[in-house]
């Protein structure tokens, strides 16, 4: 199924990408003196997932 998505030009978010999102949210929280801050917009989530954050 993932191969079919990729062939269609869609870049799925896999488990390692979800872990990258969690790490980006934790880093944002630390920078704000908090535990974790959730990313709320698609652009931010995808950037974190795919190495752009």
PDB file of N, CA and C in Angstrom:
ATOM      1  N   UNK A   1       0.815  -1.188   0.000  1.00  0.00           N
ATOM      2  CA  UNK A   1       0.000   0.000   0.000  1.00  0.00           C
ATOM      3  C   UNK A   1       0.867   1.265   0.000  1.00  0.00           C
ATOM      4  N   UNK A   2       1.928   1.269   0.797  1.00  0.00           N
ATOM      5  CA  UNK A   2       2.806   2.438   0.808  1.00  0.00           C
ATOM      6  C   UNK A   2       3.442   2.674  -0.553  1.00  0.00           C
ATOM      7  N   UNK A   3       3.813   1.595  -1.222  1.00  0.00           N
ATOM      8  CA  UNK A   3       4.403   1.728  -2.553  1.00  0.00           C
ATOM      9  C   UNK A   3       3.423   2.378  -3.519  1.00  0.00           C
ATOM     10  N   UNK A   4       2.154   1.996  -3.435  1.00  0.00           N
ATOM     11  CA  UNK A   4       1.137   2.587  -4.316  1.00  0.00           C
ATOM     12  C   UNK A   4       0.981   4.077  -4.048  1.00  0.00           C
ATOM     13  N   UNK A   5       1.018   4.465  -2.783  1.00  0.00           N
ATOM     14  CA  UNK A   5       0.930   5.890  -2.446  1.00  0.00           C
ATOM     15  C   UNK A   5       2.134   6.645  -3.004  1.00  0.00           C
ATOM     16  N   UNK A   6       3.306   6.086  -2.801  1.00  0.00           N
ATOM     17  CA  UNK A   6       4.522   6.737  -3.289  1.00  0.00           C
ATOM     18  C   UNK A   6       4.523   6.859  -4.814  1.00  0.00           C
ATOM     19  N   UNK A   7       4.029   5.829  -5.497  1.00  0.00           N
ATOM     20  CA  UNK A   7       3.944   5.873  -6.959  1.00  0.00           C
ATOM     21  C   UNK A   7       2.981   6.966  -7.428  1.00  0.00           C
ATOM     22  N   UNK A   8       2.014   7.304  -6.575  1.00  0.00           N
ATOM     23  CA  UNK A   8       1.053   8.358  -6.900  1.00  0.00           C
ATOM     24  C   UNK A   8       1.582   9.740  -6.531  1.00  0.00           C
ATOM     25  N   UNK A   9       2.810   9.803  -6.004  1.00  0.00           N
ATOM     26  CA  UNK A   9       3.398  11.078  -5.630  1.00  0.00           C
ATOM     27  C   UNK A   9       3.075  11.521  -4.213  1.00  0.00           C
ATOM     28  N   UNK A  10       2.476  10.618  -3.434  1.00  0.00           N
ATOM     29  CA  UNK A  10       2.137  10.926  -2.046  1.00  0.00           C
ATOM     30  C   UNK A  10       3.251  10.403  -1.158  1.00  0.00           C
ATOM     31  N   UNK A  11       3.686  11.243  -0.234  1.00  0.00           N
ATOM     32  CA  UNK A  11       4.737  10.841   0.703  1.00  0.00           C
ATOM     33  C   UNK A  11       4.098  10.518   2.050  1.00  0.00           C
ATOM     34  N   UNK A  12       3.854   9.244   2.330  1.00  0.00           N
ATOM     35  CA  UNK A  12       3.181   8.881   3.576  1.00  0.00           C
ATOM     36  C   UNK A  12       4.043   9.193   4.797  1.00  0.00           C
ATOM     37  N   UNK A  13       3.364   9.403   5.914  1.00  0.00           N
ATOM     38  CA  UNK A  13       4.041   9.606   7.195  1.00  0.00           C
ATOM     39  C   UNK A  13       4.112   8.241   7.873  1.00  0.00           C
ATOM     40  N   UNK A  14       5.320   7.722   8.006  1.00  0.00           N
ATOM     41  CA  UNK A  14       5.537   6.410   8.614  1.00  0.00           C
ATOM     42  C   UNK A  14       5.946   6.583  10.075  1.00  0.00           C
ATOM     43  N   UNK A  15       6.113   5.468  10.769  1.00  0.00           N
ATOM     44  CA  UNK A  15       6.382   5.518  12.211  1.00  0.00           C
ATOM     45  C   UNK A  15       7.589   6.413  12.551  1.00  0.00           C
ATOM     46  N   UNK A  16       8.665   6.295  11.819  1.00  0.00           N
ATOM     47  CA  UNK A  16       9.847   7.122  12.120  1.00  0.00           C
ATOM     48  C   UNK A  16       9.533   8.606  11.924  1.00  0.00           C
ATOM     49  N   UNK A  17       8.640   8.919  10.999  1.00  0.00           N
ATOM     50  CA  UNK A  17       8.217  10.309  10.811  1.00  0.00           C
ATOM     51  C   UNK A  17       7.409  10.799  12.009  1.00  0.00           C
ATOM     52  N   UNK A  18       6.535   9.932  12.539  1.00  0.00           N
ATOM     53  CA  UNK A  18       5.772  10.294  13.736  1.00  0.00           C
ATOM     54  C   UNK A  18       6.708  10.551  14.910  1.00  0.00           C
ATOM     55  N   UNK A  19       7.762   9.746  15.014  1.00  0.00           N
ATOM     56  CA  UNK A  19       8.744   9.956  16.090  1.00  0.00           C
ATOM     57  C   UNK A  19       9.461  11.297  15.902  1.00  0.00           C
ATOM     58  N   UNK A  20       9.730  11.670  14.653  1.00  0.00           N
ATOM     59  CA  UNK A  20      10.362  12.958  14.367  1.00  0.00           C
ATOM     60  C   UNK A  20       9.429  14.108  14.749  1.00  0.00           C
ATOM     61  N   UNK A  21       8.130  13.948  14.523  1.00  0.00           N
ATOM     62  CA  UNK A  21       7.157  14.965  14.938  1.00  0.00           C
ATOM     63  C   UNK A  21       7.182  15.115  16.456  1.00  0.00           C
ATOM     64  N   UNK A  22       7.168  13.993  17.160  1.00  0.00           N
ATOM     65  CA  UNK A  22       7.221  14.039  18.628  1.00  0.00           C
ATOM     66  C   UNK A  22       8.491  14.740  19.112  1.00  0.00           C
ATOM     67  N   UNK A  23       9.615  14.461  18.480  1.00  0.00           N
ATOM     68  CA  UNK A  23      10.876  15.099  18.867  1.00  0.00           C
ATOM     69  C   UNK A  23      10.825  16.604  18.611  1.00  0.00           C
ATOM     70  N   UNK A  24      10.246  17.011  17.492  1.00  0.00           N
ATOM     71  CA  UNK A  24      10.132  18.432  17.183  1.00  0.00           C
ATOM     72  C   UNK A  24       9.218  19.129  18.183  1.00  0.00           C
ATOM     73  N   UNK A  25       8.130  18.481  18.583  1.00  0.00           N
ATOM     74  CA  UNK A  25       7.223  19.057  19.576  1.00  0.00           C
ATOM     75  C   UNK A  25       7.910  19.178  20.933  1.00  0.00           C
ATOM     76  N   UNK A  26       8.702  18.190  21.298  1.00  0.00           N
ATOM     77  CA  UNK A  26       9.442  18.240  22.562  1.00  0.00           C
ATOM     78  C   UNK A  26      10.478  19.361  22.533  1.00  0.00           C
ATOM     79  N   UNK A  27      11.188  19.502  21.418  1.00  0.00           N
ATOM     80  CA  UNK A  27      12.195  20.563  21.296  1.00  0.00           C
ATOM     81  C   UNK A  27      11.542  21.938  21.358  1.00  0.00           C
ATOM     82  N   UNK A  28      10.386  22.085  20.734  1.00  0.00           N
ATOM     83  CA  UNK A  28       9.667  23.359  20.796  1.00  0.00           C
ATOM     84  C   UNK A  28       9.262  23.664  22.232  1.00  0.00           C
ATOM     85  N   UNK A  29       8.790  22.646  22.925  1.00  0.00           N
ATOM     86  CA  UNK A  29       8.431  22.829  24.331  1.00  0.00           C
ATOM     87  C   UNK A  29       9.612  23.273  25.171  1.00  0.00           C
ATOM     88  N   UNK A  30      10.754  22.642  24.982  1.00  0.00           N
ATOM     89  CA  UNK A  30      11.965  23.017  25.728  1.00  0.00           C
ATOM     90  C   UNK A  30      12.336  24.464  25.437  1.00  0.00           C
ATOM     91  N   UNK A  31      12.241  24.865  24.189  1.00  0.00           N
ATOM     92  CA  UNK A  31      12.610  26.241  23.824  1.00  0.00           C
ATOM     93  C   UNK A  31      11.686  27.267  24.465  1.00  0.00           C
ATOM     94  N   UNK A  32      10.482  26.822  24.852  1.00  0.00           N
ATOM     95  CA  UNK A  32       9.509  27.711  25.491  1.00  0.00           C
ATOM     96  C   UNK A  32       9.409  27.476  26.994  1.00  0.00           C
ATOM     97  N   UNK A  33      10.301  26.632  27.534  1.00  0.00           N
ATOM     98  CA  UNK A  33      10.301  26.343  28.958  1.00  0.00           C
ATOM     99  C   UNK A  33       9.152  25.442  29.387  1.00  0.00           C
ATOM    100  N   UNK A  34       8.670  24.619  28.453  1.00  0.00           N
ATOM    101  CA  UNK A  34       7.561  23.722  28.742  1.00  0.00           C
ATOM    102  C   UNK A  34       7.977  22.292  28.416  1.00  0.00           C
ATOM    103  N   UNK A  35       7.073  21.352  28.690  1.00  0.00           N
ATOM    104  CA  UNK A  35       7.385  19.948  28.402  1.00  0.00           C
ATOM    105  C   UNK A  35       7.257  19.631  26.922  1.00  0.00           C
ATOM    106  N   UNK A  36       6.141  19.991  26.314  1.00  0.00           N
ATOM    107  CA  UNK A  36       5.914  19.681  24.914  1.00  0.00           C
ATOM    108  C   UNK A  36       4.872  20.644  24.372  1.00  0.00           C
ATOM    109  N   UNK A  37       5.003  21.018  23.134  1.00  0.00           N
ATOM    110  CA  UNK A  37       4.040  21.892  22.486  1.00  0.00           C
ATOM    111  C   UNK A  37       3.639  21.222  21.176  1.00  0.00           C
ATOM    112  N   UNK A  38       2.360  20.996  20.996  1.00  0.00           N
ATOM    113  CA  UNK A  38       1.870  20.320  19.804  1.00  0.00           C
ATOM    114  C   UNK A  38       1.944  21.244  18.590  1.00  0.00           C
ATOM    115  N   UNK A  39       2.360  20.681  17.480  1.00  0.00           N
ATOM    116  CA  UNK A  39       2.324  21.389  16.204  1.00  0.00           C
ATOM    117  C   UNK A  39       0.903  21.257  15.668  1.00  0.00           C
ATOM    118  N   UNK A  40       0.286  22.372  15.275  1.00  0.00           N
ATOM    119  CA  UNK A  40      -1.125  22.358  14.911  1.00  0.00           C
ATOM    120  C   UNK A  40      -1.396  22.504  13.426  1.00  0.00           C
ATOM    121  N   UNK A  41      -0.404  22.867  12.655  1.00  0.00           N
ATOM    122  CA  UNK A  41      -0.671  23.083  11.235  1.00  0.00           C
ATOM    123  C   UNK A  41       0.012  22.000  10.398  1.00  0.00           C
ATOM    124  N   UNK A  42      -0.594  21.685   9.247  1.00  0.00           N
ATOM    125  CA  UNK A  42      -0.077  20.634   8.373  1.00  0.00           C
ATOM    126  C   UNK A  42       1.344  20.917   7.925  1.00  0.00           C
ATOM    127  N   UNK A  43       1.613  22.171   7.591  1.00  0.00           N
ATOM    128  CA  UNK A  43       2.960  22.504   7.105  1.00  0.00           C
ATOM    129  C   UNK A  43       4.011  22.184   8.171  1.00  0.00           C
ATOM    130  N   UNK A  44       3.743  22.559   9.406  1.00  0.00           N
ATOM    131  CA  UNK A  44       4.673  22.282  10.497  1.00  0.00           C
ATOM    132  C   UNK A  44       4.830  20.800  10.775  1.00  0.00           C
ATOM    133  N   UNK A  45       3.710  20.072  10.743  1.00  0.00           N
ATOM    134  CA  UNK A  45       3.763  18.632  10.968  1.00  0.00           C
ATOM    135  C   UNK A  45       4.554  17.925   9.873  1.00  0.00           C
ATOM    136  N   UNK A  46       4.290  18.284   8.633  1.00  0.00           N
ATOM    137  CA  UNK A  46       4.996  17.633   7.524  1.00  0.00           C
ATOM    138  C   UNK A  46       6.465  18.015   7.500  1.00  0.00           C
ATOM    139  N   UNK A  47       6.775  19.266   7.835  1.00  0.00           N
ATOM    140  CA  UNK A  47       8.182  19.684   7.875  1.00  0.00           C
ATOM    141  C   UNK A  47       8.924  18.884   8.960  1.00  0.00           C
ATOM    142  N   UNK A  48       8.296  18.716  10.119  1.00  0.00           N
ATOM    143  CA  UNK A  48       8.922  17.939  11.187  1.00  0.00           C
ATOM    144  C   UNK A  48       9.064  16.476  10.788  1.00  0.00           C
ATOM    145  N   UNK A  49       8.040  15.931  10.151  1.00  0.00           N
ATOM    146  CA  UNK A  49       8.046  14.522   9.770  1.00  0.00           C
ATOM    147  C   UNK A  49       9.102  14.219   8.733  1.00  0.00           C
ATOM    148  N   UNK A  50       9.279  15.134   7.808  1.00  0.00           N
ATOM    149  CA  UNK A  50      10.170  14.874   6.669  1.00  0.00           C
ATOM    150  C   UNK A  50      11.492  15.630   6.754  1.00  0.00           C
ATOM    151  N   UNK A  51      11.857  16.029   7.982  1.00  0.00           N
ATOM    152  CA  UNK A  51      13.185  16.586   8.202  1.00  0.00           C
ATOM    153  C   UNK A  51      13.346  18.068   7.928  1.00  0.00           C
ATOM    154  N   UNK A  52      12.245  18.791   7.825  1.00  0.00           N
ATOM    155  CA  UNK A  52      12.362  20.223   7.540  1.00  0.00           C
ATOM    156  C   UNK A  52      12.217  21.107   8.763  1.00  0.00           C
ATOM    157  N   UNK A  53      12.125  20.503   9.952  1.00  0.00           N
ATOM    158  CA  UNK A  53      11.956  21.328  11.148  1.00  0.00           C
ATOM    159  C   UNK A  53      13.156  21.229  12.049  1.00  0.00           C
TER     160      UNK A  53
END
